[in-house]
ModelCIF file with pLDDT and N, C-alpha, C, O atoms, coordinates in Angstrom:
data_MODEL
#
_entry.id   MODEL 
#
_entity.id                         1 
_entity.type                       polymer 
_entity.pdbx_number_of_molecules   1 
#
_entity_poly.entity_id                      1 
_entity_poly.type                           'polypeptide(L)' 
_entity_poly.nstd_linkage                   no 
_entity_poly.nstd_monomer                   no 
_entity_poly.pdbx_seq_one_letter_code       LEEHLFYLSQAYEEQLEVKVIYFKYSRYDEIIGRVMDWSREQQAV 
_entity_poly.pdbx_seq_one_letter_code_can   LEEHLFYLSQAYEEQLEVKVIYFKYSRYDEIIGRVMDWSREQQAV 
_entity_poly.pdbx_strand_id                 A 
#
loop_
_entity_poly_seq.entity_id 
_entity_poly_seq.num 
_entity_poly_seq.mon_id 
_entity_poly_seq.hetero 
1 1  LEU n 
1 2  GLU n 
1 3  GLU n 
1 4  HIS n 
1 5  LEU n 
1 6  PHE n 
1 7  TYR n 
1 8  LEU n 
1 9  SER n 
1 10 GLN n 
1 11 ALA n 
1 12 TYR n 
1 13 GLU n 
1 14 GLU n 
1 15 GLN n 
1 16 LEU n 
1 17 GLU n 
1 18 VAL n 
1 19 LYS n 
1 20 VAL n 
1 21 ILE n 
1 22 TYR n 
1 23 PHE n 
1 24 LYS n 
1 25 TYR n 
1 26 SER n 
1 27 ARG n 
1 28 TYR n 
1 29 ASP n 
1 30 GLU n 
1 31 ILE n 
1 32 ILE n 
1 33 GLY n 
1 34 ARG n 
1 35 VAL n 
1 36 MET n 
1 37 ASP n 
1 38 TRP n 
1 39 SER n 
1 40 ARG n 
1 41 GLU n 
1 42 GLN n 
1 43 GLN n 
1 44 ALA n 
1 45 VAL n 
#
_struct_asym.id          A 
_struct_asym.entity_id   1 
#
loop_
_ma_qa_metric.id 
_ma_qa_metric.mode 
_ma_qa_metric.name 
_ma_qa_metric.software_group_id 
_ma_qa_metric.type 
1 global pLDDT . pLDDT 
2 local  pLDDT . pLDDT 
#
_ma_qa_metric_global.metric_id      1 
_ma_qa_metric_global.metric_value   90.93 
_ma_qa_metric_global.model_id       1 
_ma_qa_metric_global.ordinal_id     1 
#
loop_
_ma_qa_metric_local.label_asym_id 
_ma_qa_metric_local.label_comp_id 
_ma_qa_metric_local.label_seq_id 
_ma_qa_metric_local.metric_id 
_ma_qa_metric_local.metric_value 
_ma_qa_metric_local.model_id 
_ma_qa_metric_local.ordinal_id 
A LEU 1  2 90.00 1 1  
A GLU 2  2 91.00 1 2  
A GLU 3  2 93.00 1 3  
A HIS 4  2 93.00 1 4  
A LEU 5  2 91.00 1 5  
A PHE 6  2 93.00 1 6  
A TYR 7  2 94.00 1 7  
A LEU 8  2 93.00 1 8  
A SER 9  2 92.00 1 9  
A GLN 10 2 94.00 1 10 
A ALA 11 2 94.00 1 11 
A TYR 12 2 93.00 1 12 
A GLU 13 2 94.00 1 13 
A GLU 14 2 95.00 1 14 
A GLN 15 2 93.00 1 15 
A LEU 16 2 94.00 1 16 
A GLU 17 2 94.00 1 17 
A VAL 18 2 95.00 1 18 
A LYS 19 2 95.00 1 19 
A VAL 20 2 95.00 1 20 
A ILE 21 2 93.00 1 21 
A TYR 22 2 92.00 1 22 
A PHE 23 2 89.00 1 23 
A LYS 24 2 86.00 1 24 
A TYR 25 2 82.00 1 25 
A SER 26 2 79.00 1 26 
A ARG 27 2 83.00 1 27 
A TYR 28 2 87.00 1 28 
A ASP 29 2 89.00 1 29 
A GLU 30 2 92.00 1 30 
A ILE 31 2 92.00 1 31 
A ILE 32 2 93.00 1 32 
A GLY 33 2 94.00 1 33 
A ARG 34 2 94.00 1 34 
A VAL 35 2 94.00 1 35 
A MET 36 2 93.00 1 36 
A ASP 37 2 91.00 1 37 
A TRP 38 2 85.00 1 38 
A SER 39 2 86.00 1 39 
A ARG 40 2 82.00 1 40 
A GLU 41 2 87.00 1 41 
A GLN 42 2 87.00 1 42 
A GLN 43 2 89.00 1 43 
A ALA 44 2 93.00 1 44 
A VAL 45 2 94.00 1 45 
#
loop_
_atom_site.group_PDB 
_atom_site.id 
_atom_site.type_symbol 
_atom_site.label_atom_id 
_atom_site.label_alt_id 
_atom_site.label_comp_id 
_atom_site.label_asym_id 
_atom_site.label_entity_id 
_atom_site.label_seq_id 
_atom_site.pdbx_PDB_ins_code 
_atom_site.Cartn_x 
_atom_site.Cartn_y 
_atom_site.Cartn_z 
_atom_site.occupancy 
_atom_site.B_iso_or_equiv 
_atom_site.pdbx_formal_charge 
_atom_site.auth_seq_id 
_atom_site.auth_comp_id 
_atom_site.auth_asym_id 
_atom_site.auth_atom_id 
_atom_site.pdbx_PDB_model_num 
ATOM 1   N N  . LEU A 1 1  ? -8.343  16.346 -12.336 1.00 90.00 ? 1  LEU A N  1 
ATOM 2   C CA . LEU A 1 1  ? -6.945  16.531 -12.677 1.00 90.00 ? 1  LEU A CA 1 
ATOM 3   C C  . LEU A 1 1  ? -6.065  16.357 -11.446 1.00 90.00 ? 1  LEU A C  1 
ATOM 4   O O  . LEU A 1 1  ? -5.024  15.704 -11.515 1.00 90.00 ? 1  LEU A O  1 
ATOM 5   N N  . GLU A 1 2  ? -6.470  16.929 -10.332 1.00 91.00 ? 2  GLU A N  1 
ATOM 6   C CA . GLU A 1 2  ? -5.710  16.788 -9.081  1.00 91.00 ? 2  GLU A CA 1 
ATOM 7   C C  . GLU A 1 2  ? -5.654  15.327 -8.650  1.00 91.00 ? 2  GLU A C  1 
ATOM 8   O O  . GLU A 1 2  ? -4.617  14.855 -8.183  1.00 91.00 ? 2  GLU A O  1 
ATOM 9   N N  . GLU A 1 3  ? -6.753  14.619 -8.803  1.00 93.00 ? 3  GLU A N  1 
ATOM 10  C CA . GLU A 1 3  ? -6.784  13.203 -8.441  1.00 93.00 ? 3  GLU A CA 1 
ATOM 11  C C  . GLU A 1 3  ? -5.831  12.394 -9.344  1.00 93.00 ? 3  GLU A C  1 
ATOM 12  O O  . GLU A 1 3  ? -5.085  11.543 -8.860  1.00 93.00 ? 3  GLU A O  1 
ATOM 13  N N  . HIS A 1 4  ? -5.865  12.661 -10.625 1.00 93.00 ? 4  HIS A N  1 
ATOM 14  C CA . HIS A 1 4  ? -4.957  11.980 -11.557 1.00 93.00 ? 4  HIS A CA 1 
ATOM 15  C C  . HIS A 1 4  ? -3.509  12.268 -11.195 1.00 93.00 ? 4  HIS A C  1 
ATOM 16  O O  . HIS A 1 4  ? -2.683  11.356 -11.156 1.00 93.00 ? 4  HIS A O  1 
ATOM 17  N N  . LEU A 1 5  ? -3.196  13.534 -10.931 1.00 91.00 ? 5  LEU A N  1 
ATOM 18  C CA . LEU A 1 5  ? -1.838  13.905 -10.571 1.00 91.00 ? 5  LEU A CA 1 
ATOM 19  C C  . LEU A 1 5  ? -1.392  13.248 -9.274  1.00 91.00 ? 5  LEU A C  1 
ATOM 20  O O  . LEU A 1 5  ? -0.233  12.857 -9.142  1.00 91.00 ? 5  LEU A O  1 
ATOM 21  N N  . PHE A 1 6  ? -2.303  13.125 -8.319  1.00 93.00 ? 6  PHE A N  1 
ATOM 22  C CA . PHE A 1 6  ? -1.981  12.467 -7.043  1.00 93.00 ? 6  PHE A CA 1 
ATOM 23  C C  . PHE A 1 6  ? -1.584  11.015 -7.290  1.00 93.00 ? 6  PHE A C  1 
ATOM 24  O O  . PHE A 1 6  ? -0.549  10.561 -6.801  1.00 93.00 ? 6  PHE A O  1 
ATOM 25  N N  . TYR A 1 7  ? -2.401  10.288 -8.046  1.00 94.00 ? 7  TYR A N  1 
ATOM 26  C CA . TYR A 1 7  ? -2.113  8.867  -8.305  1.00 94.00 ? 7  TYR A CA 1 
ATOM 27  C C  . TYR A 1 7  ? -0.840  8.705  -9.128  1.00 94.00 ? 7  TYR A C  1 
ATOM 28  O O  . TYR A 1 7  ? -0.034  7.814  -8.857  1.00 94.00 ? 7  TYR A O  1 
ATOM 29  N N  . LEU A 1 8  ? -0.656  9.557  -10.128 1.00 93.00 ? 8  LEU A N  1 
ATOM 30  C CA . LEU A 1 8  ? 0.545   9.463  -10.962 1.00 93.00 ? 8  LEU A CA 1 
ATOM 31  C C  . LEU A 1 8  ? 1.799   9.776  -10.186 1.00 93.00 ? 8  LEU A C  1 
ATOM 32  O O  . LEU A 1 8  ? 2.815   9.107  -10.370 1.00 93.00 ? 8  LEU A O  1 
ATOM 33  N N  . SER A 1 9  ? 1.761   10.786 -9.313  1.00 92.00 ? 9  SER A N  1 
ATOM 34  C CA . SER A 1 9  ? 2.946   11.128 -8.507  1.00 92.00 ? 9  SER A CA 1 
ATOM 35  C C  . SER A 1 9  ? 3.237   10.039 -7.494  1.00 92.00 ? 9  SER A C  1 
ATOM 36  O O  . SER A 1 9  ? 4.402   9.739  -7.234  1.00 92.00 ? 9  SER A O  1 
ATOM 37  N N  . GLN A 1 10 ? 2.206   9.440  -6.917  1.00 94.00 ? 10 GLN A N  1 
ATOM 38  C CA . GLN A 1 10 ? 2.397   8.327  -5.980  1.00 94.00 ? 10 GLN A CA 1 
ATOM 39  C C  . GLN A 1 10 ? 3.032   7.136  -6.706  1.00 94.00 ? 10 GLN A C  1 
ATOM 40  O O  . GLN A 1 10 ? 3.952   6.505  -6.185  1.00 94.00 ? 10 GLN A O  1 
ATOM 41  N N  . ALA A 1 11 ? 2.543   6.836  -7.899  1.00 94.00 ? 11 ALA A N  1 
ATOM 42  C CA . ALA A 1 11 ? 3.087   5.734  -8.679  1.00 94.00 ? 11 ALA A CA 1 
ATOM 43  C C  . ALA A 1 11 ? 4.540   6.030  -9.074  1.00 94.00 ? 11 ALA A C  1 
ATOM 44  O O  . ALA A 1 11 ? 5.366   5.118  -9.103  1.00 94.00 ? 11 ALA A O  1 
ATOM 45  N N  . TYR A 1 12 ? 4.856   7.284  -9.375  1.00 93.00 ? 12 TYR A N  1 
ATOM 46  C CA . TYR A 1 12 ? 6.220   7.662  -9.761  1.00 93.00 ? 12 TYR A CA 1 
ATOM 47  C C  . TYR A 1 12 ? 7.176   7.494  -8.573  1.00 93.00 ? 12 TYR A C  1 
ATOM 48  O O  . TYR A 1 12 ? 8.257   6.923  -8.714  1.00 93.00 ? 12 TYR A O  1 
ATOM 49  N N  . GLU A 1 13 ? 6.768   7.994  -7.412  1.00 94.00 ? 13 GLU A N  1 
ATOM 50  C CA . GLU A 1 13 ? 7.629   7.925  -6.227  1.00 94.00 ? 13 GLU A CA 1 
ATOM 51  C C  . GLU A 1 13 ? 7.875   6.501  -5.761  1.00 94.00 ? 13 GLU A C  1 
ATOM 52  O O  . GLU A 1 13 ? 8.985   6.164  -5.350  1.00 94.00 ? 13 GLU A O  1 
ATOM 53  N N  . GLU A 1 14 ? 6.847   5.661  -5.821  1.00 95.00 ? 14 GLU A N  1 
ATOM 54  C CA . GLU A 1 14 ? 6.951   4.286  -5.330  1.00 95.00 ? 14 GLU A CA 1 
ATOM 55  C C  . GLU A 1 14 ? 7.211   3.276  -6.435  1.00 95.00 ? 14 GLU A C  1 
ATOM 56  O O  . GLU A 1 14 ? 7.265   2.074  -6.175  1.00 95.00 ? 14 GLU A O  1 
ATOM 57  N N  . GLN A 1 15 ? 7.374   3.751  -7.675  1.00 93.00 ? 15 GLN A N  1 
ATOM 58  C CA . GLN A 1 15 ? 7.599   2.896  -8.848  1.00 93.00 ? 15 GLN A CA 1 
ATOM 59  C C  . GLN A 1 15 ? 6.554   1.786  -8.956  1.00 93.00 ? 15 GLN A C  1 
ATOM 60  O O  . GLN A 1 15 ? 6.876   0.616  -9.163  1.00 93.00 ? 15 GLN A O  1 
ATOM 61  N N  . LEU A 1 16 ? 5.277   2.199  -8.806  1.00 94.00 ? 16 LEU A N  1 
ATOM 62  C CA . LEU A 1 16 ? 4.158   1.284  -8.921  1.00 94.00 ? 16 LEU A CA 1 
ATOM 63  C C  . LEU A 1 16 ? 3.630   1.289  -10.359 1.00 94.00 ? 16 LEU A C  1 
ATOM 64  O O  . LEU A 1 16 ? 3.787   2.265  -11.091 1.00 94.00 ? 16 LEU A O  1 
ATOM 65  N N  . GLU A 1 17 ? 3.007   0.187  -10.740 1.00 94.00 ? 17 GLU A N  1 
ATOM 66  C CA . GLU A 1 17 ? 2.342   0.154  -12.046 1.00 94.00 ? 17 GLU A CA 1 
ATOM 67  C C  . GLU A 1 17 ? 1.000   0.849  -11.942 1.00 94.00 ? 17 GLU A C  1 
ATOM 68  O O  . GLU A 1 17 ? 0.305   0.735  -10.933 1.00 94.00 ? 17 GLU A O  1 
ATOM 69  N N  . VAL A 1 18 ? 0.646   1.559  -12.980 1.00 95.00 ? 18 VAL A N  1 
ATOM 70  C CA . VAL A 1 18 ? -0.651  2.212  -13.051 1.00 95.00 ? 18 VAL A CA 1 
ATOM 71  C C  . VAL A 1 18 ? -1.362  1.788  -14.327 1.00 95.00 ? 18 VAL A C  1 
ATOM 72  O O  . VAL A 1 18 ? -0.731  1.464  -15.333 1.00 95.00 ? 18 VAL A O  1 
ATOM 73  N N  . LYS A 1 19 ? -2.683  1.798  -14.262 1.00 95.00 ? 19 LYS A N  1 
ATOM 74  C CA . LYS A 1 19 ? -3.499  1.592  -15.458 1.00 95.00 ? 19 LYS A CA 1 
ATOM 75  C C  . LYS A 1 19 ? -4.113  2.928  -15.799 1.00 95.00 ? 19 LYS A C  1 
ATOM 76  O O  . LYS A 1 19 ? -4.805  3.534  -14.981 1.00 95.00 ? 19 LYS A O  1 
ATOM 77  N N  . VAL A 1 20 ? -3.856  3.387  -17.011 1.00 95.00 ? 20 VAL A N  1 
ATOM 78  C CA . VAL A 1 20 ? -4.348  4.683  -17.464 1.00 95.00 ? 20 VAL A CA 1 
ATOM 79  C C  . VAL A 1 20 ? -5.258  4.472  -18.668 1.00 95.00 ? 20 VAL A C  1 
ATOM 80  O O  . VAL A 1 20 ? -4.881  3.833  -19.650 1.00 95.00 ? 20 VAL A O  1 
ATOM 81  N N  . ILE A 1 21 ? -6.452  5.018  -18.569 1.00 93.00 ? 21 ILE A N  1 
ATOM 82  C CA . ILE A 1 21 ? -7.372  5.048  -19.711 1.00 93.00 ? 21 ILE A CA 1 
ATOM 83  C C  . ILE A 1 21 ? -7.317  6.468  -20.246 1.00 93.00 ? 21 ILE A C  1 
ATOM 84  O O  . ILE A 1 21 ? -7.568  7.428  -19.518 1.00 93.00 ? 21 ILE A O  1 
ATOM 85  N N  . TYR A 1 22 ? -6.986  6.591  -21.528 1.00 92.00 ? 22 TYR A N  1 
ATOM 86  C CA . TYR A 1 22 ? -6.774  7.914  -22.111 1.00 92.00 ? 22 TYR A CA 1 
ATOM 87  C C  . TYR A 1 22 ? -7.308  7.978  -23.533 1.00 92.00 ? 22 TYR A C  1 
ATOM 88  O O  . TYR A 1 22 ? -7.530  6.959  -24.188 1.00 92.00 ? 22 TYR A O  1 
ATOM 89  N N  . PHE A 1 23 ? -7.504  9.197  -23.984 1.00 89.00 ? 23 PHE A N  1 
ATOM 90  C CA . PHE A 1 23 ? -8.044  9.466  -25.313 1.00 89.00 ? 23 PHE A CA 1 
ATOM 91  C C  . PHE A 1 23 ? -6.914  9.507  -26.319 1.00 89.00 ? 23 PHE A C  1 
ATOM 92  O O  . PHE A 1 23 ? -5.949  10.253 -26.151 1.00 89.00 ? 23 PHE A O  1 
ATOM 93  N N  . LYS A 1 24 ? -7.034  8.693  -27.381 1.00 86.00 ? 24 LYS A N  1 
ATOM 94  C CA . LYS A 1 24 ? -5.991  8.617  -28.411 1.00 86.00 ? 24 LYS A CA 1 
ATOM 95  C C  . LYS A 1 24 ? -6.641  8.341  -29.760 1.00 86.00 ? 24 LYS A C  1 
ATOM 96  O O  . LYS A 1 24 ? -7.318  7.327  -29.929 1.00 86.00 ? 24 LYS A O  1 
ATOM 97  N N  . TYR A 1 25 ? -6.440  9.227  -30.706 1.00 82.00 ? 25 TYR A N  1 
ATOM 98  C CA . TYR A 1 25 ? -6.952  9.056  -32.078 1.00 82.00 ? 25 TYR A CA 1 
ATOM 99  C C  . TYR A 1 25 ? -8.445  8.783  -32.103 1.00 82.00 ? 25 TYR A C  1 
ATOM 100 O O  . TYR A 1 25 ? -8.895  7.809  -32.706 1.00 82.00 ? 25 TYR A O  1 
ATOM 101 N N  . SER A 1 26 ? -9.195  9.628  -31.461 1.00 79.00 ? 26 SER A N  1 
ATOM 102 C CA . SER A 1 26 ? -10.659 9.623  -31.454 1.00 79.00 ? 26 SER A CA 1 
ATOM 103 C C  . SER A 1 26 ? -11.304 8.403  -30.803 1.00 79.00 ? 26 SER A C  1 
ATOM 104 O O  . SER A 1 26 ? -12.464 8.093  -31.074 1.00 79.00 ? 26 SER A O  1 
ATOM 105 N N  . ARG A 1 27 ? -10.566 7.723  -29.957 1.00 83.00 ? 27 ARG A N  1 
ATOM 106 C CA . ARG A 1 27 ? -11.156 6.644  -29.148 1.00 83.00 ? 27 ARG A CA 1 
ATOM 107 C C  . ARG A 1 27 ? -10.315 6.467  -27.879 1.00 83.00 ? 27 ARG A C  1 
ATOM 108 O O  . ARG A 1 27 ? -9.197  6.972  -27.784 1.00 83.00 ? 27 ARG A O  1 
ATOM 109 N N  . TYR A 1 28 ? -10.867 5.752  -26.921 1.00 87.00 ? 28 TYR A N  1 
ATOM 110 C CA . TYR A 1 28 ? -10.152 5.538  -25.671 1.00 87.00 ? 28 TYR A CA 1 
ATOM 111 C C  . TYR A 1 28 ? -9.263  4.314  -25.766 1.00 87.00 ? 28 TYR A C  1 
ATOM 112 O O  . TYR A 1 28 ? -9.631  3.300  -26.358 1.00 87.00 ? 28 TYR A O  1 
ATOM 113 N N  . ASP A 1 29 ? -8.074  4.431  -25.165 1.00 89.00 ? 29 ASP A N  1 
ATOM 114 C CA . ASP A 1 29 ? -7.102  3.349  -25.143 1.00 89.00 ? 29 ASP A CA 1 
ATOM 115 C C  . ASP A 1 29 ? -6.680  3.135  -23.700 1.00 89.00 ? 29 ASP A C  1 
ATOM 116 O O  . ASP A 1 29 ? -6.897  3.997  -22.848 1.00 89.00 ? 29 ASP A O  1 
ATOM 117 N N  . GLU A 1 30 ? -6.079  1.992  -23.430 1.00 92.00 ? 30 GLU A N  1 
ATOM 118 C CA . GLU A 1 30 ? -5.652  1.653  -22.072 1.00 92.00 ? 30 GLU A CA 1 
ATOM 119 C C  . GLU A 1 30 ? -4.184  1.262  -22.125 1.00 92.00 ? 30 GLU A C  1 
ATOM 120 O O  . GLU A 1 30 ? -3.739  0.577  -23.046 1.00 92.00 ? 30 GLU A O  1 
ATOM 121 N N  . ILE A 1 31 ? -3.436  1.714  -21.114 1.00 92.00 ? 31 ILE A N  1 
ATOM 122 C CA . ILE A 1 31 ? -2.026  1.351  -21.007 1.00 92.00 ? 31 ILE A CA 1 
ATOM 123 C C  . ILE A 1 31 ? -1.723  1.044  -19.545 1.00 92.00 ? 31 ILE A C  1 
ATOM 124 O O  . ILE A 1 31 ? -2.213  1.719  -18.640 1.00 92.00 ? 31 ILE A O  1 
ATOM 125 N N  . ILE A 1 32 ? -0.915  0.025  -19.335 1.00 93.00 ? 32 ILE A N  1 
ATOM 126 C CA . ILE A 1 32 ? -0.470  -0.335 -17.994 1.00 93.00 ? 32 ILE A CA 1 
ATOM 127 C C  . ILE A 1 32 ? 1.047   -0.241 -17.985 1.00 93.00 ? 32 ILE A C  1 
ATOM 128 O O  . ILE A 1 32 ? 1.721   -0.859 -18.810 1.00 93.00 ? 32 ILE A O  1 
ATOM 129 N N  . GLY A 1 33 ? 1.580   0.533  -17.051 1.00 94.00 ? 33 GLY A N  1 
ATOM 130 C CA . GLY A 1 33 ? 3.017   0.697  -16.992 1.00 94.00 ? 33 GLY A CA 1 
ATOM 131 C C  . GLY A 1 33 ? 3.446   1.523  -15.806 1.00 94.00 ? 33 GLY A C  1 
ATOM 132 O O  . GLY A 1 33 ? 2.648   1.833  -14.921 1.00 94.00 ? 33 GLY A O  1 
ATOM 133 N N  . ARG A 1 34 ? 4.719   1.875  -15.797 1.00 94.00 ? 34 ARG A N  1 
ATOM 134 C CA . ARG A 1 34 ? 5.292   2.677  -14.725 1.00 94.00 ? 34 ARG A CA 1 
ATOM 135 C C  . ARG A 1 34 ? 5.537   4.109  -15.239 1.00 94.00 ? 34 ARG A C  1 
ATOM 136 O O  . ARG A 1 34 ? 5.889   4.323  -16.399 1.00 94.00 ? 34 ARG A O  1 
ATOM 137 N N  . VAL A 1 35 ? 5.341   5.054  -14.352 1.00 94.00 ? 35 VAL A N  1 
ATOM 138 C CA . VAL A 1 35 ? 5.572   6.459  -14.687 1.00 94.00 ? 35 VAL A CA 1 
ATOM 139 C C  . VAL A 1 35 ? 7.078   6.688  -14.733 1.00 94.00 ? 35 VAL A C  1 
ATOM 140 O O  . VAL A 1 35 ? 7.769   6.501  -13.732 1.00 94.00 ? 35 VAL A O  1 
ATOM 141 N N  . MET A 1 36 ? 7.581   7.090  -15.889 1.00 93.00 ? 36 MET A N  1 
ATOM 142 C CA . MET A 1 36 ? 9.021   7.292  -16.072 1.00 93.00 ? 36 MET A CA 1 
ATOM 143 C C  . MET A 1 36 ? 9.441   8.751  -16.026 1.00 93.00 ? 36 MET A C  1 
ATOM 144 O O  . MET A 1 36 ? 10.562  9.061  -15.621 1.00 93.00 ? 36 MET A O  1 
ATOM 145 N N  . ASP A 1 37 ? 8.549   9.656  -16.441 1.00 91.00 ? 37 ASP A N  1 
ATOM 146 C CA . ASP A 1 37 ? 8.954   11.053 -16.577 1.00 91.00 ? 37 ASP A CA 1 
ATOM 147 C C  . ASP A 1 37 ? 7.725   11.953 -16.604 1.00 91.00 ? 37 ASP A C  1 
ATOM 148 O O  . ASP A 1 37 ? 6.616   11.509 -16.903 1.00 91.00 ? 37 ASP A O  1 
ATOM 149 N N  . TRP A 1 38 ? 7.946   13.232 -16.284 1.00 85.00 ? 38 TRP A N  1 
ATOM 150 C CA . TRP A 1 38 ? 6.919   14.277 -16.355 1.00 85.00 ? 38 TRP A CA 1 
ATOM 151 C C  . TRP A 1 38 ? 7.419   15.394 -17.251 1.00 85.00 ? 38 TRP A C  1 
ATOM 152 O O  . TRP A 1 38 ? 8.627   15.603 -17.365 1.00 85.00 ? 38 TRP A O  1 
ATOM 153 N N  . SER A 1 39 ? 6.523   16.102 -17.876 1.00 86.00 ? 39 SER A N  1 
ATOM 154 C CA . SER A 1 39 ? 6.869   17.319 -18.608 1.00 86.00 ? 39 SER A CA 1 
ATOM 155 C C  . SER A 1 39 ? 5.843   18.376 -18.240 1.00 86.00 ? 39 SER A C  1 
ATOM 156 O O  . SER A 1 39 ? 4.691   18.317 -18.668 1.00 86.00 ? 39 SER A O  1 
ATOM 157 N N  . ARG A 1 40 ? 6.275   19.339 -17.442 1.00 82.00 ? 40 ARG A N  1 
ATOM 158 C CA . ARG A 1 40 ? 5.368   20.413 -17.046 1.00 82.00 ? 40 ARG A CA 1 
ATOM 159 C C  . ARG A 1 40 ? 5.033   21.319 -18.233 1.00 82.00 ? 40 ARG A C  1 
ATOM 160 O O  . ARG A 1 40 ? 3.914   21.823 -18.336 1.00 82.00 ? 40 ARG A O  1 
ATOM 161 N N  . GLU A 1 41 ? 6.001   21.525 -19.123 1.00 87.00 ? 41 GLU A N  1 
ATOM 162 C CA . GLU A 1 41 ? 5.757   22.384 -20.282 1.00 87.00 ? 41 GLU A CA 1 
ATOM 163 C C  . GLU A 1 41 ? 4.708   21.780 -21.202 1.00 87.00 ? 41 GLU A C  1 
ATOM 164 O O  . GLU A 1 41 ? 3.824   22.488 -21.683 1.00 87.00 ? 41 GLU A O  1 
ATOM 165 N N  . GLN A 1 42 ? 4.796   20.487 -21.449 1.00 87.00 ? 42 GLN A N  1 
ATOM 166 C CA . GLN A 1 42 ? 3.857   19.815 -22.345 1.00 87.00 ? 42 GLN A CA 1 
ATOM 167 C C  . GLN A 1 42 ? 2.617   19.297 -21.610 1.00 87.00 ? 42 GLN A C  1 
ATOM 168 O O  . GLN A 1 42 ? 1.683   18.805 -22.241 1.00 87.00 ? 42 GLN A O  1 
ATOM 169 N N  . GLN A 1 43 ? 2.608   19.406 -20.292 1.00 89.00 ? 43 GLN A N  1 
ATOM 170 C CA . GLN A 1 43 ? 1.506   18.867 -19.482 1.00 89.00 ? 43 GLN A CA 1 
ATOM 171 C C  . GLN A 1 43 ? 1.265   17.407 -19.854 1.00 89.00 ? 43 GLN A C  1 
ATOM 172 O O  . GLN A 1 43 ? 0.156   17.009 -20.211 1.00 89.00 ? 43 GLN A O  1 
ATOM 173 N N  . ALA A 1 44 ? 2.355   16.610 -19.758 1.00 93.00 ? 44 ALA A N  1 
ATOM 174 C CA . ALA A 1 44 ? 2.274   15.207 -20.167 1.00 93.00 ? 44 ALA A CA 1 
ATOM 175 C C  . ALA A 1 44 ? 3.097   14.333 -19.223 1.00 93.00 ? 44 ALA A C  1 
ATOM 176 O O  . ALA A 1 44 ? 3.977   14.804 -18.502 1.00 93.00 ? 44 ALA A O  1 
ATOM 177 N N  . VAL A 1 45 ? 2.779   13.064 -19.257 1.00 94.00 ? 45 VAL A N  1 
ATOM 178 C CA . VAL A 1 45 ? 3.481   12.060 -18.448 1.00 94.00 ? 45 VAL A CA 1 
ATOM 179 C C  . VAL A 1 45 ? 3.906   10.925 -19.384 1.00 94.00 ? 45 VAL A C  1 
ATOM 180 O O  . VAL A 1 45 ? 4.518   9.954  -18.938 1.00 94.00 ? 45 VAL A O  1 
#
């Protein structure tokens, strides 16, 4: 989790594209994009 947060915060600060592999609807999906926002309450990006 700390490693993910490090890369996501670095991408947010420098407006870099990231590739994220994540769990969605009972299978893994991939998205490539820029980090636009964080939500600490929802623990989401």
